[in-house]
Amino acid sequence: MTTVLITGANRGLGLALAQQYAADGAEVIVCCREPARADALKELAASFSDRVRIMPLDVADESSIASLKRMLADKPIDILINNAGINGLSVNEIEAEGWMTTMRVNALAPMLIAQALRDNLRRGSEKKLVAIASILGSTSSAGGGKYAYRASKAALNNGMRALSRDWASDGILVGILNPGWARTKMGGDDGFISPEESARGLISRIAELTPATSGVFQDYRPGVTIRW
């Protein structure tokens, strides 16, 4: 049975990913800051009581990441999906505190989580580390606004690209995936696709990951590579 761990799984894209993986027969570890208030996850766990486990995780808190590692111990993880993120504080301003918070959650946290769970990935059969990126992190196509968010996603891309090279000797494959503009709380109501459609595409791209596509910036749609 495939074991998938998803951060930021209490709503939106993370929840859609958890629902589809559970329906497909995977064991799903869903992480969020406040499990007691995650009603949708509790419903999912009740529906798949033997295969869905809710675990607390505040990705911005290193002690919370360490606690997650202790709870998981040596459990093998086949697919680790770093989905948790924020839309960027001080959206169209350059303001230190909001910028640094955005960078910590979107760029640093996925690297720290990957580092903490590296041995769990090594023990897995698929060994796939996934970052939910954004086309707004593409320097080649960068527009205006959303300064902190764009910078954080570009940093995430760069860090994950480096891991795809440095961890290749462990057999770990790194997916850097743009989910498209989905209609979520973070993406807003004007998105082009539903979270479910995005999740289906992402799951397909994750299933198709190979050494040739590890560390490549890909879209949720098949065959679409995004320029750095």
Protein backbone atom coordinates (compact mmCIF):
# COMPACT_ATOMS: atom_id res chain seq x y z
CA MET A 1 0.00 0.00 0.00
CA THR A 2 1.31 3.43 -0.93
CA THR A 3 1.81 5.79 2.01
CA VAL A 4 1.31 9.49 1.27
CA LEU A 5 1.95 12.39 3.66
CA ILE A 6 0.35 15.74 2.80
CA THR A 7 0.94 19.03 4.61
CA GLY A 8 -1.74 21.73 4.71
CA ALA A 9 -4.39 19.09 4.11
CA ASN A 10 -7.35 20.61 5.93
CA ARG A 11 -8.82 22.48 2.95
CA GLY A 12 -8.48 23.35 -0.72
CA LEU A 13 -5.93 21.51 -2.79
CA GLY A 14 -4.45 19.59 0.13
CA LEU A 15 -7.86 18.23 1.06
CA ALA A 16 -8.63 17.31 -2.56
CA LEU A 17 -5.32 15.44 -2.79
CA ALA A 18 -6.05 13.58 0.45
CA GLN A 19 -9.54 12.63 -0.70
CA GLN A 20 -8.36 11.27 -4.02
CA TYR A 21 -5.41 9.35 -2.63
CA ALA A 22 -7.65 7.79 0.03
CA ALA A 23 -10.24 6.85 -2.58
CA ASP A 24 -7.47 5.27 -4.66
CA GLY A 25 -6.53 2.98 -1.76
CA ALA A 26 -3.49 4.75 -0.33
CA GLU A 27 -2.65 5.17 3.33
CA VAL A 28 -2.82 8.93 3.84
CA ILE A 29 -1.21 10.92 6.63
CA VAL A 30 -2.84 14.35 6.63
CA CYS A 31 -1.20 17.21 8.49
CA CYS A 32 -2.64 20.52 9.64
CA ARG A 33 -2.12 23.04 12.43
CA GLU A 34 -5.34 22.36 14.34
CA PRO A 35 -6.67 18.82 13.87
CA ALA A 36 -9.49 19.41 16.36
CA ARG A 37 -10.98 22.06 14.07
CA ALA A 38 -10.36 20.20 10.79
CA ASP A 39 -13.92 18.95 10.27
CA ALA A 40 -13.43 17.88 6.65
CA LEU A 41 -10.39 15.81 7.59
CA LYS A 42 -12.26 14.21 10.48
CA GLU A 43 -15.01 13.21 8.06
CA LEU A 44 -12.42 11.78 5.68
CA ALA A 45 -10.77 9.83 8.48
CA ALA A 46 -14.14 8.46 9.56
CA SER A 47 -14.81 7.26 6.01
CA PHE A 48 -11.40 5.58 5.74
CA SER A 49 -10.74 4.86 9.41
CA ASP A 50 -8.04 2.32 8.75
CA ARG A 51 -6.13 4.38 6.18
CA VAL A 52 -6.38 8.10 7.04
CA ARG A 53 -4.47 9.49 10.00
CA ILE A 54 -4.58 13.14 11.08
CA MET A 55 -1.40 14.57 12.60
CA PRO A 56 -0.67 18.07 13.93
CA LEU A 57 1.90 20.17 12.09
CA ASP A 58 2.67 23.87 12.05
CA VAL A 59 5.14 24.11 9.17
CA ALA A 60 6.46 27.46 10.43
CA ASP A 61 7.48 25.93 13.77
CA GLU A 62 10.66 23.83 13.81
CA SER A 63 9.63 22.15 17.07
CA SER A 64 6.37 21.05 15.41
CA ILE A 65 8.33 19.55 12.51
CA ALA A 66 10.55 17.72 15.01
CA SER A 67 7.47 16.44 16.83
CA LEU A 68 6.04 15.09 13.57
CA LYS A 69 9.27 13.24 12.95
CA ARG A 70 9.19 11.71 16.44
CA MET A 71 5.60 10.54 15.94
CA LEU A 72 6.41 8.99 12.57
CA ALA A 73 9.64 7.41 13.86
CA ASP A 74 10.94 5.12 11.11
CA LYS A 75 7.67 4.74 9.22
CA PRO A 76 8.30 4.49 5.46
CA ILE A 77 6.79 7.28 3.37
CA ASP A 78 6.37 6.73 -0.35
CA ILE A 79 5.17 10.21 -1.32
CA LEU A 80 5.75 13.39 0.70
CA ILE A 81 3.73 16.34 -0.61
CA ASN A 82 4.71 19.77 0.70
CA ASN A 83 1.44 21.55 0.01
CA ALA A 84 1.08 23.96 2.95
CA GLY A 85 1.59 27.58 1.99
CA ILE A 86 0.35 31.13 2.33
CA ASN A 87 -0.62 33.62 -0.35
CA GLY A 88 1.93 36.19 0.76
CA LEU A 89 1.61 38.77 3.48
CA SER A 90 1.99 42.45 2.54
CA VAL A 91 0.81 41.36 -0.90
CA ASN A 92 1.87 44.33 -3.02
CA GLU A 93 4.17 46.04 -0.55
CA ILE A 94 7.75 45.45 0.47
CA GLU A 95 7.50 44.94 4.20
CA ALA A 96 10.03 42.97 6.20
CA GLU A 97 7.90 40.98 8.65
CA GLY A 98 5.32 39.82 6.11
CA TRP A 99 8.03 39.01 3.57
CA MET A 100 10.00 36.88 6.01
CA THR A 101 6.90 35.02 7.21
CA THR A 102 5.97 34.22 3.61
CA MET A 103 9.48 32.99 2.88
CA ARG A 104 9.53 30.85 6.02
CA VAL A 105 6.25 29.11 5.26
CA ASN A 106 6.54 28.75 1.48
CA ALA A 107 10.28 28.28 0.92
CA LEU A 108 12.03 27.22 4.13
CA ALA A 109 9.42 24.94 5.70
CA PRO A 110 9.30 22.46 2.77
CA MET A 111 13.08 22.14 2.92
CA LEU A 112 13.06 21.57 6.69
CA ILE A 113 10.28 18.99 6.40
CA ALA A 114 12.11 17.21 3.60
CA GLN A 115 15.27 17.12 5.70
CA ALA A 116 13.41 15.83 8.77
CA LEU A 117 11.70 13.04 6.82
CA ARG A 118 14.53 12.11 4.47
CA ASP A 119 15.08 8.74 6.17
CA ASN A 120 11.35 8.00 5.98
CA LEU A 121 11.48 8.64 2.23
CA ARG A 122 14.53 6.40 1.90
CA ARG A 123 12.54 3.61 3.55
CA GLY A 124 9.63 4.06 1.13
CA SER A 125 9.23 2.15 -2.10
CA GLU A 126 8.46 5.14 -4.34
CA LYS A 127 10.71 7.74 -2.67
CA LYS A 128 8.94 10.80 -4.09
CA LEU A 129 9.34 14.28 -2.61
CA VAL A 130 6.85 16.77 -4.04
CA ALA A 131 6.64 20.55 -3.75
CA ILE A 132 3.46 22.35 -4.75
CA ALA A 133 5.04 25.29 -6.52
CA SER A 134 3.47 28.09 -8.56
CA ILE A 135 3.93 29.55 -12.00
CA LEU A 136 4.30 32.87 -10.16
CA GLY A 137 7.69 31.56 -9.06
CA SER A 138 8.89 31.53 -12.68
CA THR A 139 11.46 34.29 -13.12
CA SER A 140 11.14 34.09 -16.91
CA SER A 141 7.45 35.00 -16.87
CA ALA A 142 7.38 37.17 -13.74
CA GLY A 143 4.93 40.04 -13.74
CA GLY A 144 4.23 42.67 -11.10
CA GLY A 145 2.80 42.46 -7.62
CA LYS A 146 2.79 39.63 -5.08
CA TYR A 147 6.47 40.28 -4.43
CA ALA A 148 6.93 38.10 -1.36
CA TYR A 149 4.88 35.23 -2.78
CA ARG A 150 6.76 35.24 -6.09
CA ALA A 151 10.11 35.35 -4.30
CA SER A 152 9.14 32.54 -1.93
CA LYS A 153 8.04 30.23 -4.73
CA ALA A 154 11.17 30.97 -6.78
CA ALA A 155 13.25 30.09 -3.69
CA LEU A 156 11.24 26.90 -3.21
CA ASN A 157 11.88 25.89 -6.82
CA ASN A 158 15.60 26.49 -6.46
CA GLY A 159 15.87 24.56 -3.21
CA MET A 160 13.94 21.57 -4.51
CA ARG A 161 15.90 21.57 -7.75
CA ALA A 162 19.08 21.27 -5.65
CA LEU A 163 17.64 18.40 -3.60
CA SER A 164 16.75 16.56 -6.80
CA ARG A 165 20.47 16.48 -7.60
CA ASP A 166 21.88 15.95 -4.13
CA TRP A 167 19.44 13.22 -3.10
CA ALA A 168 19.42 11.31 -6.38
CA SER A 169 21.92 8.86 -4.90
CA ASP A 170 19.22 7.92 -2.35
CA GLY A 171 16.83 7.14 -5.20
CA ILE A 172 14.63 10.10 -4.20
CA LEU A 173 12.67 11.75 -7.01
CA VAL A 174 11.65 15.39 -6.64
CA GLY A 175 8.48 16.75 -8.22
CA ILE A 176 8.21 20.54 -8.60
CA LEU A 177 4.62 21.04 -9.68
CA ASN A 178 2.45 24.00 -10.60
CA PRO A 179 -1.15 23.22 -9.54
CA GLY A 180 -2.79 25.73 -11.87
CA TRP A 181 -5.12 28.46 -10.73
CA ALA A 182 -7.61 26.53 -8.64
CA ARG A 183 -10.72 27.86 -6.94
CA THR A 184 -9.60 27.64 -3.33
CA LYS A 185 -9.52 29.99 -0.35
CA MET A 186 -5.97 30.88 -1.32
CA GLY A 187 -6.53 31.04 -5.08
CA GLY A 188 -9.85 32.85 -4.90
CA ASP A 189 -13.12 32.31 -6.72
CA ASP A 190 -11.84 33.33 -10.17
CA GLY A 191 -9.63 30.29 -10.66
CA PHE A 192 -9.79 28.36 -13.92
CA ILE A 193 -10.11 24.89 -12.41
CA SER A 194 -11.54 23.14 -9.36
CA PRO A 195 -9.29 21.74 -6.61
CA GLU A 196 -10.40 18.27 -7.66
CA GLU A 197 -9.25 18.79 -11.27
CA SER A 198 -5.92 20.17 -10.10
CA ALA A 199 -5.46 17.26 -7.69
CA ARG A 200 -6.17 14.70 -10.41
CA GLY A 201 -3.53 16.25 -12.65
CA LEU A 202 -0.98 16.50 -9.86
CA ILE A 203 -1.49 12.88 -8.83
CA SER A 204 -0.92 11.80 -12.43
CA ARG A 205 2.29 13.85 -12.67
CA ILE A 206 3.50 12.41 -9.37
CA ALA A 207 2.80 8.87 -10.59
CA GLU A 208 4.81 9.59 -13.74
CA LEU A 209 7.89 10.98 -11.96
CA THR A 210 11.14 9.46 -13.20
CA PRO A 211 14.82 10.39 -12.87
CA ALA A 212 14.42 12.31 -16.13
CA THR A 213 11.66 14.54 -14.74
CA SER A 214 12.99 14.81 -11.18
CA GLY A 215 13.78 18.44 -10.48
CA VAL A 216 11.94 19.66 -13.59
CA PHE A 217 9.36 22.46 -13.14
CA GLN A 218 6.15 20.89 -14.47
CA ASP A 219 2.52 21.88 -14.79
CA TYR A 220 -0.39 19.80 -13.50
CA ARG A 221 -1.33 19.25 -17.15
CA PRO A 222 0.48 16.43 -18.98
CA GLY A 223 3.53 17.27 -21.03
CA VAL A 224 3.80 20.93 -19.96
CA THR A 225 7.18 22.11 -18.66
CA ILE A 226 7.42 25.59 -17.14
CA ARG A 227 10.39 27.89 -17.69
CA TRP A 228 12.41 28.80 -14.63
